[in-house]
Amino acid sequence: MAAKRAGKRPIGTVLADGAYDGEPVYRAVAAHSPDAQVIIPPRSTAVPGAMADRAPSQRDRHIQRIAERGRLGWQRDVRYGRRSLGEVAMMRYKQVIGRGLRARSLPAQKAEAAIGCKVMNIMTSLGMPLSRKVA
């Protein structure tokens, strides 16, 4: 609700690598969009917070799930592989469209980015190559 009142779009999910693990990131996301799902793998040395047994945070629940199912089980449960798909999409965009915007004004940059996204969506909709083991 706070995100809508402030004129910002709400965040649905935040996917990040372990470098972003920590309460400050969780707090910042919650301040913007309280209902947002944060999927960041806790460090191997992470321990649950003091309130984990009564009111666990998202991070506490991730730590508990990893203890129960293992890191790979947690990754499957939260669909952590989506982060990799997002990174691959950005890599493709940069390879095809380029690393920077060429337009100088903000409206023109927005149009340029929208065109680039449209091109990538069309390319993706045409299909991905099928790979088969030959030998």
C-alpha atoms as a PDB file:
ATOM      1  CA  MET A   1       0.000   0.000   0.000  1.00  0.00           C
ATOM      2  CA  ALA A   2       2.765   2.452   0.872  1.00  0.00           C
ATOM      3  CA  ALA A   3       4.278   1.997  -2.590  1.00  0.00           C
ATOM      4  CA  LYS A   4       1.011   2.957  -4.284  1.00  0.00           C
ATOM      5  CA  ARG A   5       0.484   6.018  -2.068  1.00  0.00           C
ATOM      6  CA  ALA A   6       3.972   7.306  -2.818  1.00  0.00           C
ATOM      7  CA  GLY A   7       3.310   7.018  -6.561  1.00  0.00           C
ATOM      8  CA  LYS A   8       5.756   4.119  -6.947  1.00  0.00           C
ATOM      9  CA  ARG A   9       4.951   0.796  -8.523  1.00  0.00           C
ATOM     10  CA  PRO A  10       4.944  -2.082  -6.041  1.00  0.00           C
ATOM     11  CA  ILE A  11       7.671  -4.703  -6.213  1.00  0.00           C
ATOM     12  CA  GLY A  12       6.515  -8.315  -6.523  1.00  0.00           C
ATOM     13  CA  THR A  13       9.773 -10.258  -6.185  1.00  0.00           C
ATOM     14  CA  VAL A  14      13.420  -9.389  -5.635  1.00  0.00           C
ATOM     15  CA  LEU A  15      15.907 -11.991  -6.898  1.00  0.00           C
ATOM     16  CA  ALA A  16      19.559 -11.357  -6.122  1.00  0.00           C
ATOM     17  CA  ASP A  17      22.777 -13.230  -5.457  1.00  0.00           C
ATOM     18  CA  GLY A  18      24.290 -13.779  -2.038  1.00  0.00           C
ATOM     19  CA  ALA A  19      26.231 -10.507  -2.108  1.00  0.00           C
ATOM     20  CA  TYR A  20      22.948  -8.767  -1.228  1.00  0.00           C
ATOM     21  CA  ASP A  21      22.198 -10.990   1.769  1.00  0.00           C
ATOM     22  CA  GLY A  22      21.473  -9.013   4.909  1.00  0.00           C
ATOM     23  CA  GLU A  23      18.715  -7.310   6.830  1.00  0.00           C
ATOM     24  CA  PRO A  24      19.296  -3.855   5.259  1.00  0.00           C
ATOM     25  CA  VAL A  25      18.213  -5.174   1.845  1.00  0.00           C
ATOM     26  CA  TYR A  26      15.158  -6.927   3.303  1.00  0.00           C
ATOM     27  CA  ARG A  27      14.214  -3.742   5.203  1.00  0.00           C
ATOM     28  CA  ALA A  28      14.600  -1.541   2.113  1.00  0.00           C
ATOM     29  CA  VAL A  29      12.397  -3.833   0.040  1.00  0.00           C
ATOM     30  CA  ALA A  30       9.800  -4.064   2.834  1.00  0.00           C
ATOM     31  CA  ALA A  31       9.762  -0.264   3.165  1.00  0.00           C
ATOM     32  CA  HIS A  32       8.954   0.038  -0.531  1.00  0.00           C
ATOM     33  CA  SER A  33       6.626  -2.968  -0.911  1.00  0.00           C
ATOM     34  CA  PRO A  34       5.721  -4.810   2.309  1.00  0.00           C
ATOM     35  CA  ASP A  35       4.280  -7.807   0.430  1.00  0.00           C
ATOM     36  CA  ALA A  36       7.316  -8.301  -1.836  1.00  0.00           C
ATOM     37  CA  GLN A  37       8.998 -11.683  -1.875  1.00  0.00           C
ATOM     38  CA  VAL A  38      12.777 -11.450  -1.362  1.00  0.00           C
ATOM     39  CA  ILE A  39      14.800 -14.387  -2.688  1.00  0.00           C
ATOM     40  CA  ILE A  40      18.448 -14.010  -1.754  1.00  0.00           C
ATOM     41  CA  PRO A  41      20.543 -16.997  -0.699  1.00  0.00           C
ATOM     42  CA  PRO A  42      21.824 -16.502   2.852  1.00  0.00           C
ATOM     43  CA  ARG A  43      25.542 -16.852   3.417  1.00  0.00           C
ATOM     44  CA  SER A  44      26.720 -20.255   4.600  1.00  0.00           C
ATOM     45  CA  THR A  45      27.502 -18.713   8.004  1.00  0.00           C
ATOM     46  CA  ALA A  46      24.079 -17.045   8.358  1.00  0.00           C
ATOM     47  CA  VAL A  47      22.124 -17.636  11.554  1.00  0.00           C
ATOM     48  CA  PRO A  48      18.437 -16.928  12.211  1.00  0.00           C
ATOM     49  CA  GLY A  49      17.540 -13.692  13.994  1.00  0.00           C
ATOM     50  CA  ALA A  50      16.484 -13.418  17.633  1.00  0.00           C
ATOM     51  CA  MET A  51      12.763 -13.518  16.756  1.00  0.00           C
ATOM     52  CA  ALA A  52      13.060 -16.503  14.383  1.00  0.00           C
ATOM     53  CA  ASP A  53      11.204 -18.914  16.663  1.00  0.00           C
ATOM     54  CA  ARG A  54       8.203 -16.582  17.255  1.00  0.00           C
ATOM     55  CA  ALA A  55       7.990 -14.357  14.172  1.00  0.00           C
ATOM     56  CA  PRO A  56      10.523 -15.440  11.527  1.00  0.00           C
ATOM     57  CA  SER A  57      11.459 -12.957   8.818  1.00  0.00           C
ATOM     58  CA  GLN A  58      11.744 -14.008   5.183  1.00  0.00           C
ATOM     59  CA  ARG A  59      15.486 -14.377   5.676  1.00  0.00           C
ATOM     60  CA  ASP A  60      14.936 -16.533   8.776  1.00  0.00           C
ATOM     61  CA  ARG A  61      12.578 -18.768   6.799  1.00  0.00           C
ATOM     62  CA  HIS A  62      15.202 -19.119   4.052  1.00  0.00           C
ATOM     63  CA  ILE A  63      17.840 -20.125   6.608  1.00  0.00           C
ATOM     64  CA  GLN A  64      15.449 -22.645   8.194  1.00  0.00           C
ATOM     65  CA  ARG A  65      14.498 -24.111   4.811  1.00  0.00           C
ATOM     66  CA  ILE A  66      18.156 -24.510   3.832  1.00  0.00           C
ATOM     67  CA  ALA A  67      18.798 -26.316   7.139  1.00  0.00           C
ATOM     68  CA  GLU A  68      15.868 -28.670   6.413  1.00  0.00           C
ATOM     69  CA  ARG A  69      16.256 -29.303   2.673  1.00  0.00           C
ATOM     70  CA  GLY A  70      19.798 -28.253   1.817  1.00  0.00           C
ATOM     71  CA  ARG A  71      20.836 -25.390  -0.439  1.00  0.00           C
ATOM     72  CA  LEU A  72      19.801 -27.108  -3.692  1.00  0.00           C
ATOM     73  CA  GLY A  73      16.424 -28.052  -2.217  1.00  0.00           C
ATOM     74  CA  TRP A  74      15.898 -24.428  -1.181  1.00  0.00           C
ATOM     75  CA  GLN A  75      16.830 -23.231  -4.666  1.00  0.00           C
ATOM     76  CA  ARG A  76      14.248 -25.569  -6.204  1.00  0.00           C
ATOM     77  CA  ASP A  77      11.586 -24.566  -3.668  1.00  0.00           C
ATOM     78  CA  VAL A  78      11.947 -20.813  -4.267  1.00  0.00           C
ATOM     79  CA  ARG A  79      12.687 -21.177  -8.015  1.00  0.00           C
ATOM     80  CA  TYR A  80      16.032 -19.425  -7.627  1.00  0.00           C
ATOM     81  CA  GLY A  81      16.962 -20.416 -11.199  1.00  0.00           C
ATOM     82  CA  ARG A  82      14.822 -17.504 -12.427  1.00  0.00           C
ATOM     83  CA  ARG A  83      17.691 -15.173 -11.453  1.00  0.00           C
ATOM     84  CA  SER A  84      19.936 -16.895 -13.977  1.00  0.00           C
ATOM     85  CA  LEU A  85      17.278 -16.498 -16.674  1.00  0.00           C
ATOM     86  CA  GLY A  86      17.115 -12.777 -15.953  1.00  0.00           C
ATOM     87  CA  GLU A  87      20.888 -12.464 -16.221  1.00  0.00           C
ATOM     88  CA  VAL A  88      20.896 -14.333 -19.531  1.00  0.00           C
ATOM     89  CA  ALA A  89      18.158 -12.041 -20.877  1.00  0.00           C
ATOM     90  CA  MET A  90      20.215  -8.968 -19.968  1.00  0.00           C
ATOM     91  CA  MET A  91      23.309 -10.491 -21.573  1.00  0.00           C
ATOM     92  CA  ARG A  92      21.354 -11.103 -24.787  1.00  0.00           C
ATOM     93  CA  TYR A  93      19.990  -7.551 -24.723  1.00  0.00           C
ATOM     94  CA  LYS A  94      23.492  -6.114 -24.349  1.00  0.00           C
ATOM     95  CA  GLN A  95      24.865  -8.342 -27.129  1.00  0.00           C
ATOM     96  CA  VAL A  96      22.119  -7.453 -29.612  1.00  0.00           C
ATOM     97  CA  ILE A  97      21.184  -3.880 -28.691  1.00  0.00           C
ATOM     98  CA  GLY A  98      24.383  -2.684 -27.028  1.00  0.00           C
ATOM     99  CA  ARG A  99      25.612  -1.756 -23.559  1.00  0.00           C
ATOM    100  CA  GLY A 100      24.497   1.874 -23.568  1.00  0.00           C
ATOM    101  CA  LEU A 101      21.755   4.105 -24.851  1.00  0.00           C
ATOM    102  CA  ARG A 102      22.547   6.384 -27.757  1.00  0.00           C
ATOM    103  CA  ALA A 103      19.720   8.888 -27.259  1.00  0.00           C
ATOM    104  CA  ARG A 104      20.502  12.011 -25.210  1.00  0.00           C
ATOM    105  CA  SER A 105      17.127  13.015 -23.783  1.00  0.00           C
ATOM    106  CA  LEU A 106      15.161  10.973 -21.251  1.00  0.00           C
ATOM    107  CA  PRO A 107      12.037  10.557 -23.429  1.00  0.00           C
ATOM    108  CA  ALA A 108      14.177   9.378 -26.329  1.00  0.00           C
ATOM    109  CA  GLN A 109      16.084   6.996 -24.014  1.00  0.00           C
ATOM    110  CA  LYS A 110      12.795   5.530 -22.792  1.00  0.00           C
ATOM    111  CA  ALA A 111      11.672   5.011 -26.387  1.00  0.00           C
ATOM    112  CA  GLU A 112      15.030   3.443 -27.296  1.00  0.00           C
ATOM    113  CA  ALA A 113      14.845   1.026 -24.359  1.00  0.00           C
ATOM    114  CA  ALA A 114      11.227   0.131 -25.218  1.00  0.00           C
ATOM    115  CA  ILE A 115      12.201  -0.606 -28.812  1.00  0.00           C
ATOM    116  CA  GLY A 116      15.111  -2.755 -27.618  1.00  0.00           C
ATOM    117  CA  CYS A 117      12.806  -4.724 -25.328  1.00  0.00           C
ATOM    118  CA  LYS A 118      10.313  -5.192 -28.162  1.00  0.00           C
ATOM    119  CA  VAL A 119      13.078  -6.535 -30.405  1.00  0.00           C
ATOM    120  CA  MET A 120      14.225  -8.966 -27.700  1.00  0.00           C
ATOM    121  CA  ASN A 121      10.642 -10.144 -27.062  1.00  0.00           C
ATOM    122  CA  ILE A 122      10.134 -10.820 -30.771  1.00  0.00           C
ATOM    123  CA  MET A 123      13.418 -12.713 -30.965  1.00  0.00           C
ATOM    124  CA  THR A 124      12.508 -14.770 -27.897  1.00  0.00           C
ATOM    125  CA  SER A 125       9.016 -15.523 -29.220  1.00  0.00           C
ATOM    126  CA  LEU A 126      10.538 -17.027 -32.368  1.00  0.00           C
ATOM    127  CA  GLY A 127      11.894 -19.821 -30.229  1.00  0.00           C
ATOM    128  CA  MET A 128      15.024 -21.049 -28.626  1.00  0.00           C
ATOM    129  CA  PRO A 129      17.356 -23.508 -30.351  1.00  0.00           C
ATOM    130  CA  LEU A 130      17.000 -27.181 -29.539  1.00  0.00           C
ATOM    131  CA  SER A 131      20.221 -28.871 -28.490  1.00  0.00           C
ATOM    132  CA  ARG A 132      20.779 -32.577 -28.882  1.00  0.00           C
ATOM    133  CA  LYS A 133      23.709 -34.734 -27.890  1.00  0.00           C
ATOM    134  CA  VAL A 134      25.351 -36.122 -31.023  1.00  0.00           C
ATOM    135  CA  ALA A 135      27.939 -38.514 -29.706  1.00  0.00           C
END
